[in-house]
Amino acid sequence: MANIKIELVKSLNGRLDKHIATAKSLGLTKIGDKTVQPDNPQTKGKIAQIGYLLKVTEE
């Protein structure tokens, strides 16, 4: 199965509570945090919600 590299590039300060919770569910808490997640519909949905805070690359 393919994976997706996700990096938090913008701050979570002042964001909606739902967006902060989504970032934390991906394992992202601070600017520069990186994670590798499986490429599935659940992950794509999370990325769609907070994509403006992220840098996403296919692995």
Protein backbone atom coordinates (compact mmCIF):
# COMPACT_ATOMS: atom_id res chain seq x y z
CA MET A 1 0.00 0.00 0.00
CA ALA A 2 1.21 3.50 -0.79
CA ASN A 3 2.04 6.05 1.87
CA ILE A 4 1.76 9.84 2.07
CA LYS A 5 4.30 12.14 3.75
CA ILE A 6 2.61 15.02 5.57
CA GLU A 7 4.33 18.08 7.08
CA LEU A 8 2.71 20.84 9.15
CA VAL A 9 3.89 24.14 7.63
CA LYS A 10 1.51 26.64 9.28
CA SER A 11 0.72 27.24 12.93
CA LEU A 12 -2.33 25.81 14.68
CA ASN A 13 -2.77 28.98 16.76
CA GLY A 14 -6.17 30.57 16.26
CA ARG A 15 -7.51 27.73 14.11
CA LEU A 16 -10.87 26.06 14.55
CA ASP A 17 -10.96 23.39 17.27
CA LYS A 18 -11.97 20.78 14.68
CA HIS A 19 -8.91 21.60 12.57
CA ILE A 20 -6.57 21.39 15.56
CA ALA A 21 -8.06 18.01 16.49
CA THR A 22 -7.61 16.77 12.92
CA ALA A 23 -3.94 17.81 12.90
CA LYS A 24 -3.37 16.06 16.24
CA SER A 25 -5.07 12.91 14.94
CA LEU A 26 -2.45 12.88 12.19
CA GLY A 27 0.30 13.25 14.80
CA LEU A 28 1.10 16.89 13.99
CA THR A 29 1.39 19.38 16.85
CA LYS A 30 4.14 21.86 15.95
CA ILE A 31 5.34 23.55 12.78
CA GLY A 32 7.82 21.26 11.04
CA ASP A 33 6.35 18.03 12.40
CA LYS A 34 6.32 15.28 9.79
CA THR A 35 4.45 12.01 9.60
CA VAL A 36 3.90 9.16 7.17
CA GLN A 37 0.30 7.99 6.82
CA PRO A 38 -1.33 5.29 4.67
CA ASP A 39 -2.95 6.48 1.45
CA ASN A 40 -6.61 5.71 2.23
CA PRO A 41 -9.93 7.60 2.17
CA GLN A 42 -9.73 8.49 5.87
CA THR A 43 -6.34 10.16 5.51
CA LYS A 44 -7.40 11.94 2.31
CA GLY A 45 -10.45 13.33 4.13
CA LYS A 46 -8.28 14.72 6.93
CA ILE A 47 -5.92 16.28 4.39
CA ALA A 48 -8.88 17.83 2.55
CA GLN A 49 -10.08 19.46 5.78
CA ILE A 50 -6.76 21.04 6.81
CA GLY A 51 -4.84 21.04 3.54
CA TYR A 52 -4.13 24.77 3.85
CA LEU A 53 -1.88 23.98 6.85
CA LEU A 54 0.00 21.10 5.26
CA LYS A 55 2.61 20.15 2.71
CA VAL A 56 1.77 16.74 1.26
CA THR A 57 4.03 14.51 -0.87
CA GLU A 58 3.48 11.03 -2.24
CA GLU A 59 5.99 8.46 -1.07
